C-alpha atoms as a PDB file:
ATOM      1  CA  SER A   1     109.668 140.292  97.190  1.00  0.00           C
ATOM      2  CA  MET A   2     110.857 139.625  93.626  1.00  0.00           C
ATOM      3  CA  GLN A   3     111.943 136.005  93.524  1.00  0.00           C
ATOM      4  CA  VAL A   4     112.187 133.149  91.036  1.00  0.00           C
ATOM      5  CA  HIS A   5     112.523 129.557  92.228  1.00  0.00           C
ATOM      6  CA  VAL A   6     112.835 126.139  90.642  1.00  0.00           C
ATOM      7  CA  HIS A   7     111.640 122.761  91.856  1.00  0.00           C
ATOM      8  CA  SER A   8     111.784 119.203  90.452  1.00  0.00           C
ATOM      9  CA  GLY A   9     113.389 117.955  87.282  1.00  0.00           C
ATOM     10  CA  GLY A  10     117.028 118.777  88.069  1.00  0.00           C
ATOM     11  CA  SER A  11     119.800 118.825  90.652  1.00  0.00           C
ATOM     12  CA  HIS A  12     119.130 122.342  91.964  1.00  0.00           C
ATOM     13  CA  THR A  13     115.958 123.189  93.847  1.00  0.00           C
ATOM     14  CA  GLY A  14     115.100 126.469  95.489  1.00  0.00           C
ATOM     15  CA  THR A  15     115.980 130.074  94.744  1.00  0.00           C
ATOM     16  CA  VAL A  16     117.268 131.199  91.341  1.00  0.00           C
ATOM     17  CA  PHE A  17     117.469 134.860  92.269  1.00  0.00           C
ATOM     18  CA  ALA A  18     115.930 137.166  94.877  1.00  0.00           C
ATOM     19  CA  PHE A  19     115.488 140.936  95.266  1.00  0.00           C
ATOM     20  CA  ASN A  20     113.634 141.801  98.468  1.00  0.00           C
ATOM     21  CA  ARG A  21     112.833 144.833 100.608  1.00  0.00           C
ATOM     22  CA  PHE A  22     112.860 147.557  97.983  1.00  0.00           C
ATOM     23  CA  ASN A  23     110.150 149.915  99.276  1.00  0.00           C
ATOM     24  CA  ASP A  24     111.326 151.451 102.543  1.00  0.00           C
ATOM     25  CA  GLY A  25     114.773 152.886 101.780  1.00  0.00           C
ATOM     26  CA  THR A  26     116.686 150.414 103.941  1.00  0.00           C
ATOM     27  CA  VAL A  27     119.421 148.082 102.684  1.00  0.00           C
ATOM     28  CA  ALA A  28     117.821 145.573 100.305  1.00  0.00           C
ATOM     29  CA  ASP A  29     118.259 141.810 100.082  1.00  0.00           C
ATOM     30  CA  LEU A  30     119.984 140.439  96.961  1.00  0.00           C
ATOM     31  CA  GLY A  31     121.035 136.931  96.088  1.00  0.00           C
ATOM     32  CA  ILE A  32     121.588 134.332  93.386  1.00  0.00           C
ATOM     33  CA  GLY A  33     120.911 130.718  94.297  1.00  0.00           C
ATOM     34  CA  ASN A  34     119.988 129.642  97.806  1.00  0.00           C
ATOM     35  CA  ASN A  35     121.379 131.643 100.714  1.00  0.00           C
ATOM     36  CA  PRO A  36     123.723 129.178 102.483  1.00  0.00           C
ATOM     37  CA  PHE A  37     123.027 130.935 105.759  1.00  0.00           C
ATOM     38  CA  GLY A  38     119.679 131.957 107.169  1.00  0.00           C
ATOM     39  CA  HIS A  39     116.664 132.086 104.844  1.00  0.00           C
ATOM     40  CA  PRO A  40     117.263 130.391 101.468  1.00  0.00           C
ATOM     41  CA  ASP A  41     115.409 133.185  99.618  1.00  0.00           C
ATOM     42  CA  TRP A  42     117.709 135.887 101.094  1.00  0.00           C
ATOM     43  CA  ALA A  43     114.863 137.485 103.076  1.00  0.00           C
ATOM     44  CA  VAL A  44     116.131 139.911 105.757  1.00  0.00           C
ATOM     45  CA  ALA A  45     119.711 139.430 104.480  1.00  0.00           C
ATOM     46  CA  SER A  46     120.143 143.233 104.170  1.00  0.00           C
ATOM     47  CA  ASN A  47     123.218 142.595 102.025  1.00  0.00           C
ATOM     48  CA  ALA A  48     122.908 144.856  98.986  1.00  0.00           C
ATOM     49  CA  ASN A  49     125.753 146.992 100.346  1.00  0.00           C
ATOM     50  CA  THR A  50     128.189 144.096  99.898  1.00  0.00           C
ATOM     51  CA  TYR A  51     128.005 144.340  96.084  1.00  0.00           C
ATOM     52  CA  SER A  52     129.586 147.161  94.065  1.00  0.00           C
ATOM     53  CA  ALA A  53     127.652 146.187  90.894  1.00  0.00           C
ATOM     54  CA  ARG A  54     123.927 145.472  91.192  1.00  0.00           C
ATOM     55  CA  ASN A  55     122.156 145.126  87.830  1.00  0.00           C
ATOM     56  CA  LEU A  56     118.785 143.661  86.919  1.00  0.00           C
ATOM     57  CA  LYS A  57     117.583 143.331  83.324  1.00  0.00           C
ATOM     58  CA  VAL A  58     114.333 141.842  82.059  1.00  0.00           C
ATOM     59  CA  PHE A  59     113.928 140.377  78.582  1.00  0.00           C
ATOM     60  CA  VAL A  60     111.088 139.062  76.455  1.00  0.00           C
ATOM     61  CA  SER A  61     111.133 136.988  73.295  1.00  0.00           C
ATOM     62  CA  ASN A  62     108.581 136.355  70.593  1.00  0.00           C
ATOM     63  CA  THR A  63     110.429 133.257  69.449  1.00  0.00           C
ATOM     64  CA  PRO A  64     108.119 130.302  70.061  1.00  0.00           C
ATOM     65  CA  THR A  65     109.325 127.530  72.322  1.00  0.00           C
ATOM     66  CA  PRO A  66     110.325 124.587  70.155  1.00  0.00           C
ATOM     67  CA  PRO A  67     108.047 121.569  70.563  1.00  0.00           C
ATOM     68  CA  PRO A  68     109.383 118.686  72.632  1.00  0.00           C
ATOM     69  CA  PRO A  69     110.999 115.872  70.662  1.00  0.00           C
ATOM     70  CA  VAL A  70     108.937 112.782  69.983  1.00  0.00           C
ATOM     71  CA  ASP A  71     109.147 110.355  72.896  1.00  0.00           C
ATOM     72  CA  PRO A  72     112.121 108.092  72.010  1.00  0.00           C
ATOM     73  CA  TYR A  73     110.146 105.036  73.077  1.00  0.00           C
ATOM     74  CA  ILE A  74     107.657 105.490  70.216  1.00  0.00           C
ATOM     75  CA  ALA A  75     109.876 107.311  67.715  1.00  0.00           C
ATOM     76  CA  SER A  76     110.411 104.165  65.642  1.00  0.00           C
ATOM     77  CA  LYS A  77     106.649 103.915  65.046  1.00  0.00           C
ATOM     78  CA  ASN A  78     106.811 107.061  62.863  1.00  0.00           C
ATOM     79  CA  ILE A  79     103.551 108.437  64.246  1.00  0.00           C
ATOM     80  CA  GLN A  80     103.197 111.802  62.548  1.00  0.00           C
ATOM     81  CA  ASP A  81     100.531 112.901  65.022  1.00  0.00           C
ATOM     82  CA  ALA A  82     102.937 112.413  67.963  1.00  0.00           C
ATOM     83  CA  GLU A  83     104.951 115.537  67.148  1.00  0.00           C
ATOM     84  CA  GLY A  84     104.623 118.182  69.860  1.00  0.00           C
ATOM     85  CA  PHE A  85     103.354 115.820  72.576  1.00  0.00           C
ATOM     86  CA  GLN A  86     105.127 115.439  75.898  1.00  0.00           C
ATOM     87  CA  LEU A  87     105.010 112.397  78.151  1.00  0.00           C
ATOM     88  CA  VAL A  88     102.860 112.584  81.286  1.00  0.00           C
ATOM     89  CA  TYR A  89     102.619 108.966  82.453  1.00  0.00           C
ATOM     90  CA  ALA A  90     104.385 105.710  81.588  1.00  0.00           C
ATOM     91  CA  LEU A  91     103.155 102.423  83.006  1.00  0.00           C
ATOM     92  CA  ASP A  92     104.119  98.786  82.678  1.00  0.00           C
ATOM     93  CA  ILE A  93     100.695  97.236  83.238  1.00  0.00           C
ATOM     94  CA  PRO A  94     100.788  94.383  85.737  1.00  0.00           C
ATOM     95  CA  MET A  95      98.859  91.228  84.991  1.00  0.00           C
ATOM     96  CA  ASN A  96      96.873  91.553  88.233  1.00  0.00           C
ATOM     97  CA  PRO A  97      96.599  95.273  89.038  1.00  0.00           C
ATOM     98  CA  ASN A  98      95.243  96.195  92.456  1.00  0.00           C
ATOM     99  CA  TYR A  99      94.687  99.915  92.162  1.00  0.00           C
ATOM    100  CA  GLY A 100      91.939  99.971  94.739  1.00  0.00           C
ATOM    101  CA  ALA A 101      94.696  99.839  97.350  1.00  0.00           C
ATOM    102  CA  ALA A 102      97.262 102.182  95.805  1.00  0.00           C
ATOM    103  CA  LYS A 103      97.841 104.227  92.666  1.00  0.00           C
ATOM    104  CA  PRO A 104      99.668 102.673  89.709  1.00  0.00           C
ATOM    105  CA  ASN A 105     103.428 102.357  90.003  1.00  0.00           C
ATOM    106  CA  TYR A 106     104.173 104.691  87.100  1.00  0.00           C
ATOM    107  CA  SER A 107     107.754 104.652  85.835  1.00  0.00           C
ATOM    108  CA  VAL A 108     107.131 108.258  84.746  1.00  0.00           C
ATOM    109  CA  ASP A 109     104.691 110.635  86.430  1.00  0.00           C
ATOM    110  CA  ASN A 110     104.947 114.252  85.279  1.00  0.00           C
ATOM    111  CA  SER A 111     101.322 115.099  86.035  1.00  0.00           C
ATOM    112  CA  LEU A 112     102.057 117.726  88.678  1.00  0.00           C
ATOM    113  CA  SER A 113     104.307 119.687  86.317  1.00  0.00           C
ATOM    114  CA  ILE A 114     101.692 119.952  83.535  1.00  0.00           C
ATOM    115  CA  SER A 115      99.850 123.268  83.757  1.00  0.00           C
ATOM    116  CA  SER A 116      97.947 123.584  80.482  1.00  0.00           C
ATOM    117  CA  PHE A 117      97.235 121.548  77.378  1.00  0.00           C
ATOM    118  CA  SER A 118      94.645 121.220  74.631  1.00  0.00           C
ATOM    119  CA  ARG A 119      95.277 117.690  73.332  1.00  0.00           C
ATOM    120  CA  VAL A 120      95.684 114.331  75.056  1.00  0.00           C
ATOM    121  CA  ALA A 121      97.065 111.109  73.602  1.00  0.00           C
ATOM    122  CA  TYR A 122      97.243 107.498  74.735  1.00  0.00           C
ATOM    123  CA  TYR A 123      99.621 104.823  73.512  1.00  0.00           C
ATOM    124  CA  MET A 124      98.981 101.173  74.339  1.00  0.00           C
ATOM    125  CA  GLU A 125     101.340  98.377  73.397  1.00  0.00           C
ATOM    126  CA  LEU A 126     100.511  94.688  73.736  1.00  0.00           C
ATOM    127  CA  ASP A 127     103.399  92.541  72.512  1.00  0.00           C
ATOM    128  CA  ASN A 128     103.772  93.463  68.815  1.00  0.00           C
ATOM    129  CA  TYR A 129     100.458  95.310  68.580  1.00  0.00           C
ATOM    130  CA  TRP A 130     100.204  99.024  69.352  1.00  0.00           C
ATOM    131  CA  VAL A 131      97.813 101.926  69.014  1.00  0.00           C
ATOM    132  CA  TRP A 132      98.111 105.698  69.384  1.00  0.00           C
ATOM    133  CA  VAL A 133      94.988 107.818  69.835  1.00  0.00           C
ATOM    134  CA  SER A 134      94.899 111.589  70.360  1.00  0.00           C
ATOM    135  CA  ILE A 135      91.799 113.575  71.317  1.00  0.00           C
ATOM    136  CA  ASP A 136      90.758 117.063  72.341  1.00  0.00           C
ATOM    137  CA  LYS A 137      91.236 117.242  76.090  1.00  0.00           C
ATOM    138  CA  PRO A 138      88.433 115.686  78.179  1.00  0.00           C
ATOM    139  CA  THR A 139      89.693 117.471  81.326  1.00  0.00           C
ATOM    140  CA  SER A 140      92.030 120.332  82.242  1.00  0.00           C
ATOM    141  CA  ASP A 141      93.616 118.388  85.126  1.00  0.00           C
ATOM    142  CA  ALA A 142      96.563 116.221  84.054  1.00  0.00           C
ATOM    143  CA  ARG A 143      96.176 114.109  87.182  1.00  0.00           C
ATOM    144  CA  GLN A 144      92.899 112.784  85.766  1.00  0.00           C
ATOM    145  CA  LEU A 145      94.482 111.506  82.564  1.00  0.00           C
ATOM    146  CA  GLY A 146      96.024 108.404  84.114  1.00  0.00           C
ATOM    147  CA  VAL A 147      94.377 105.150  85.120  1.00  0.00           C
ATOM    148  CA  PRO A 148      91.079 106.106  86.831  1.00  0.00           C
ATOM    149  CA  CYS A 149      91.646 103.823  89.805  1.00  0.00           C
ATOM    150  CA  LEU A 150      89.649 103.628  93.015  1.00  0.00           C
ATOM    151  CA  SER A 151      92.493 104.767  95.257  1.00  0.00           C
ATOM    152  CA  LEU A 152      92.119 108.435  96.222  1.00  0.00           C
ATOM    153  CA  ASP A 153      95.753 108.901  95.195  1.00  0.00           C
ATOM    154  CA  CYS A 154      94.414 108.814  91.640  1.00  0.00           C
ATOM    155  CA  GLY A 155      92.432 111.600  90.003  1.00  0.00           C
ATOM    156  CA  ASN A 156      92.510 115.001  91.658  1.00  0.00           C
ATOM    157  CA  GLY A 157      93.455 113.593  95.061  1.00  0.00           C
ATOM    158  CA  LEU A 158      89.978 114.212  96.485  1.00  0.00           C
ATOM    159  CA  PHE A 159      87.687 112.122  94.316  1.00  0.00           C
ATOM    160  CA  PRO A 160      88.235 109.245  91.886  1.00  0.00           C
ATOM    161  CA  THR A 161      88.184 110.185  88.216  1.00  0.00           C
ATOM    162  CA  LEU A 162      84.889 109.752  86.383  1.00  0.00           C
ATOM    163  CA  MET A 163      84.856 110.859  82.749  1.00  0.00           C
ATOM    164  CA  GLN A 164      82.105 109.703  80.419  1.00  0.00           C
ATOM    165  CA  LYS A 165      81.879 112.157  77.577  1.00  0.00           C
ATOM    166  CA  VAL A 166      82.068 112.693  73.847  1.00  0.00           C
ATOM    167  CA  VAL A 167      85.454 113.880  72.533  1.00  0.00           C
ATOM    168  CA  THR A 168      86.349 115.488  69.230  1.00  0.00           C
ATOM    169  CA  ASN A 169      89.159 115.401  66.668  1.00  0.00           C
ATOM    170  CA  VAL A 170      90.081 111.788  67.321  1.00  0.00           C
ATOM    171  CA  ASN A 171      93.251 110.761  65.468  1.00  0.00           C
ATOM    172  CA  VAL A 172      94.385 107.140  65.490  1.00  0.00           C
ATOM    173  CA  ALA A 173      97.542 105.385  64.291  1.00  0.00           C
ATOM    174  CA  SER A 174      98.205 101.700  64.839  1.00  0.00           C
ATOM    175  CA  SER A 175      99.975  98.539  63.771  1.00  0.00           C
ATOM    176  CA  ILE A 176      96.451  97.318  62.963  1.00  0.00           C
ATOM    177  CA  GLY A 177      95.488  98.582  59.522  1.00  0.00           C
ATOM    178  CA  MET A 178      91.871  99.479  60.205  1.00  0.00           C
ATOM    179  CA  LEU A 179      92.927 101.735  63.096  1.00  0.00           C
ATOM    180  CA  ASN A 180      94.478 104.533  61.046  1.00  0.00           C
ATOM    181  CA  PHE A 181      92.321 107.637  60.572  1.00  0.00           C
ATOM    182  CA  SER A 182      91.879 111.207  61.767  1.00  0.00           C
ATOM    183  CA  GLY A 183      89.318 113.868  62.557  1.00  0.00           C
ATOM    184  CA  ARG A 184      86.663 111.560  63.950  1.00  0.00           C
ATOM    185  CA  MET A 185      84.232 111.847  66.856  1.00  0.00           C
ATOM    186  CA  GLY A 186      84.706 109.587  69.846  1.00  0.00           C
ATOM    187  CA  ASN A 187      84.073 109.092  73.525  1.00  0.00           C
ATOM    188  CA  VAL A 188      85.902 108.141  76.693  1.00  0.00           C
ATOM    189  CA  GLU A 189      84.712 105.887  79.504  1.00  0.00           C
ATOM    190  CA  PHE A 190      87.040 106.391  82.480  1.00  0.00           C
ATOM    191  CA  TRP A 191      85.924 105.340  85.946  1.00  0.00           C
ATOM    192  CA  PRO A 192      86.872 103.012  88.825  1.00  0.00           C
ATOM    193  CA  TYR A 193      83.376 101.573  89.381  1.00  0.00           C
ATOM    194  CA  ASP A 194      81.209  98.741  88.091  1.00  0.00           C
ATOM    195  CA  TYR A 195      79.127  99.410  84.981  1.00  0.00           C
ATOM    196  CA  THR A 196      76.262  98.014  82.925  1.00  0.00           C
ATOM    197  CA  PRO A 197      75.773  97.719  79.140  1.00  0.00           C
ATOM    198  CA  PHE A 198      73.017 100.371  79.046  1.00  0.00           C
ATOM    199  CA  ASN A 199      73.888 103.013  76.419  1.00  0.00           C
ATOM    200  CA  ALA A 200      73.761 105.990  78.768  1.00  0.00           C
ATOM    201  CA  LEU A 201      75.011 108.961  76.708  1.00  0.00           C
ATOM    202  CA  PRO A 202      73.792 107.579  74.189  1.00  0.00           C
ATOM    203  CA  ILE A 203      76.540 106.682  71.710  1.00  0.00           C
ATOM    204  CA  PRO A 204      75.449 106.113  68.086  1.00  0.00           C
ATOM    205  CA  GLY A 205      75.534 102.433  67.195  1.00  0.00           C
ATOM    206  CA  ALA A 206      76.250 101.217  70.722  1.00  0.00           C
ATOM    207  CA  SER A 207      74.299  98.338  72.239  1.00  0.00           C
ATOM    208  CA  SER A 208      72.476  98.197  75.548  1.00  0.00           C
ATOM    209  CA  ASN A 209      72.968  94.436  75.669  1.00  0.00           C
ATOM    210  CA  LYS A 210      76.752  94.175  75.419  1.00  0.00           C
ATOM    211  CA  PHE A 211      79.612  96.079  77.011  1.00  0.00           C
ATOM    212  CA  ASP A 212      80.892  98.311  74.223  1.00  0.00           C
ATOM    213  CA  SER A 213      81.437 101.972  73.380  1.00  0.00           C
ATOM    214  CA  GLY A 214      78.264 102.991  75.221  1.00  0.00           C
ATOM    215  CA  ASP A 215      77.881 101.771  78.807  1.00  0.00           C
ATOM    216  CA  GLN A 216      76.522 103.157  82.068  1.00  0.00           C
ATOM    217  CA  CYS A 217      78.782 103.848  85.029  1.00  0.00           C
ATOM    218  CA  GLY A 218      77.468 102.465  88.322  1.00  0.00           C
ATOM    219  CA  SER A 219      79.090 105.179  90.487  1.00  0.00           C
ATOM    220  CA  PRO A 220      79.702 104.925  93.374  1.00  0.00           C
ATOM    221  CA  ASN A 221      79.138 101.184  93.450  1.00  0.00           C
ATOM    222  CA  GLY A 222      81.659  98.433  92.793  1.00  0.00           C
ATOM    223  CA  SER A 223      85.298  98.591  91.755  1.00  0.00           C
ATOM    224  CA  TYR A 224      85.710  96.878  88.373  1.00  0.00           C
ATOM    225  CA  GLY A 225      87.053  99.923  86.538  1.00  0.00           C
ATOM    226  CA  SER A 226      87.075 101.100  82.932  1.00  0.00           C
ATOM    227  CA  MET A 227      89.677 103.020  80.933  1.00  0.00           C
ATOM    228  CA  GLN A 228      88.427 103.046  77.367  1.00  0.00           C
ATOM    229  CA  VAL A 229      88.612 105.267  74.282  1.00  0.00           C
ATOM    230  CA  HIS A 230      86.174 104.699  71.421  1.00  0.00           C
ATOM    231  CA  VAL A 231      85.407 106.218  68.042  1.00  0.00           C
ATOM    232  CA  HIS A 232      82.022 106.696  66.394  1.00  0.00           C
ATOM    233  CA  GLY A 233      80.396 108.777  63.692  1.00  0.00           C
ATOM    234  CA  GLY A 234      81.624 109.314  60.167  1.00  0.00           C
ATOM    235  CA  SER A 235      82.598 106.451  57.907  1.00  0.00           C
ATOM    236  CA  GLY A 236      84.947 103.567  58.490  1.00  0.00           C
ATOM    237  CA  TYR A 237      85.869 101.865  61.733  1.00  0.00           C
ATOM    238  CA  VAL A 238      83.650 102.375  64.797  1.00  0.00           C
ATOM    239  CA  GLY A 239      83.997 101.078  68.330  1.00  0.00           C
ATOM    240  CA  THR A 240      86.821 100.500  70.770  1.00  0.00           C
ATOM    241  CA  VAL A 241      90.268 101.955  70.133  1.00  0.00           C
ATOM    242  CA  PHE A 242      91.785 100.546  73.318  1.00  0.00           C
ATOM    243  CA  ALA A 243      90.509  99.228  76.634  1.00  0.00           C
ATOM    244  CA  PHE A 244      92.024  98.566  80.064  1.00  0.00           C
ATOM    245  CA  ASN A 245      89.438  97.235  82.509  1.00  0.00           C
ATOM    246  CA  GLY A 246      89.290  95.405  85.829  1.00  0.00           C
ATOM    247  CA  PHE A 247      92.248  97.091  87.484  1.00  0.00           C
ATOM    248  CA  ASN A 248      91.209  97.624  91.108  1.00  0.00           C
ATOM    249  CA  ALA A 249      90.851  94.235  92.800  1.00  0.00           C
ATOM    250  CA  GLY A 250      93.954  92.207  91.956  1.00  0.00           C
ATOM    251  CA  TYR A 251      92.283  89.975  89.386  1.00  0.00           C
ATOM    252  CA  VAL A 252      93.615  89.358  85.869  1.00  0.00           C
ATOM    253  CA  ALA A 253      92.786  92.569  83.990  1.00  0.00           C
ATOM    254  CA  ASP A 254      91.129  93.073  80.598  1.00  0.00           C
ATOM    255  CA  LEU A 255      93.338  94.518  77.840  1.00  0.00           C
ATOM    256  CA  GLY A 256      92.560  95.056  74.191  1.00  0.00           C
ATOM    257  CA  ILE A 257      93.181  97.091  71.057  1.00  0.00           C
ATOM    258  CA  SER A 258      90.259  97.497  68.605  1.00  0.00           C
ATOM    259  CA  ASN A 259      86.936  95.722  69.092  1.00  0.00           C
ATOM    260  CA  LYS A 260      87.041  92.286  70.655  1.00  0.00           C
ATOM    261  CA  PRO A 261      85.888  89.952  67.865  1.00  0.00           C
ATOM    262  CA  THR A 262      83.773  87.808  70.195  1.00  0.00           C
ATOM    263  CA  GLY A 263      81.886  88.566  73.382  1.00  0.00           C
ATOM    264  CA  HIS A 264      81.897  92.154  74.604  1.00  0.00           C
ATOM    265  CA  PRO A 265      83.483  94.568  72.082  1.00  0.00           C
ATOM    266  CA  ASP A 266      85.162  96.651  74.813  1.00  0.00           C
ATOM    267  CA  TRP A 267      86.983  93.614  76.261  1.00  0.00           C
ATOM    268  CA  SER A 268      85.015  93.667  79.525  1.00  0.00           C
ATOM    269  CA  LEU A 269      85.213  90.352  81.421  1.00  0.00           C
ATOM    270  CA  SER A 270      87.969  89.084  79.113  1.00  0.00           C
ATOM    271  CA  PHE A 271      90.458  88.508  81.967  1.00  0.00           C
ATOM    272  CA  ASN A 272      93.170  88.263  79.324  1.00  0.00           C
ATOM    273  CA  ALA A 273      96.097  90.369  80.558  1.00  0.00           C
ATOM    274  CA  ASN A 274      98.029  87.146  81.148  1.00  0.00           C
ATOM    275  CA  VAL A 275      98.157  86.365  77.409  1.00  0.00           C
ATOM    276  CA  TRP A 276     100.390  89.408  76.794  1.00  0.00           C
ATOM    277  CA  ASN A 277     104.047  89.436  77.821  1.00  0.00           C
ATOM    278  CA  ASN A 278     104.508  93.129  77.025  1.00  0.00           C
ATOM    279  CA  ARG A 279     101.827  95.464  78.417  1.00  0.00           C
ATOM    280  CA  LYS A 280     102.534  99.181  78.249  1.00  0.00           C
ATOM    281  CA  LEU A 281     100.484 102.351  78.578  1.00  0.00           C
ATOM    282  CA  ARG A 282     101.792 105.861  77.952  1.00  0.00           C
ATOM    283  CA  VAL A 283      99.900 109.146  78.266  1.00  0.00           C
ATOM    284  CA  TYR A 284     100.808 112.428  76.562  1.00  0.00           C
ATOM    285  CA  VAL A 285      99.634 116.027  76.280  1.00  0.00           C
ATOM    286  CA  ALA A 286     100.216 118.792  73.730  1.00  0.00           C
ATOM    287  CA  PRO A 287      99.639 122.568  73.901  1.00  0.00           C
END
């Protein structure tokens, strides 16, 4: 069998071309597109004798694939770091998400078509405020880059996503002046469970008395949920870049960009999603 097929992303699905049964001296199978009769991949068609010209050529190119264009939705933000990133997920965040029962209703979900990447980026927009943050990949599975909800339809399909780790090369651009920098250290706190303020990793400068950039996941207990990216180390701004919490039980969720000025810096227990009319989350990857 020598076959190439295509699936998803267009009108045609199935066989592109097929060349089968080429080892035993009998009439081979040849076809372009799906076989309208019998097996779509032309197996056991034994039809090579119906063509007077039968040519196969193979080519290679050292011309690099051009990077994807900047997502039109964010192009007007002029985020220099966004060049070369492709969209994986797009989500209009509901005021009362209930992702313990079902996965988010993404308007775009390209996670199954993403095979490899080295960088991940998140874009959150709350009314007129927005933030972009890109990091070195915290996982090699694109399915784990979305909202880490309790439903088993999230994550890798077998277990909910739990990522609590330090990340490197954190680049941030935002409508908020203090959130514009690059090359920093950071950390992610992605899980569908309850959590406590204890600084588990630990994260430099984090408190064990308030929910902030350094907390402790209570896996497998509870269902509050945390989707947070933070920055620490170096000089300048430290703390929360964005946070989306409380997304599994149908209550008003927590949403925030930068540190919350009062209460818990990572917006835990804010129950404030209802104060924003526009709530968007977009996830990207780059080679």
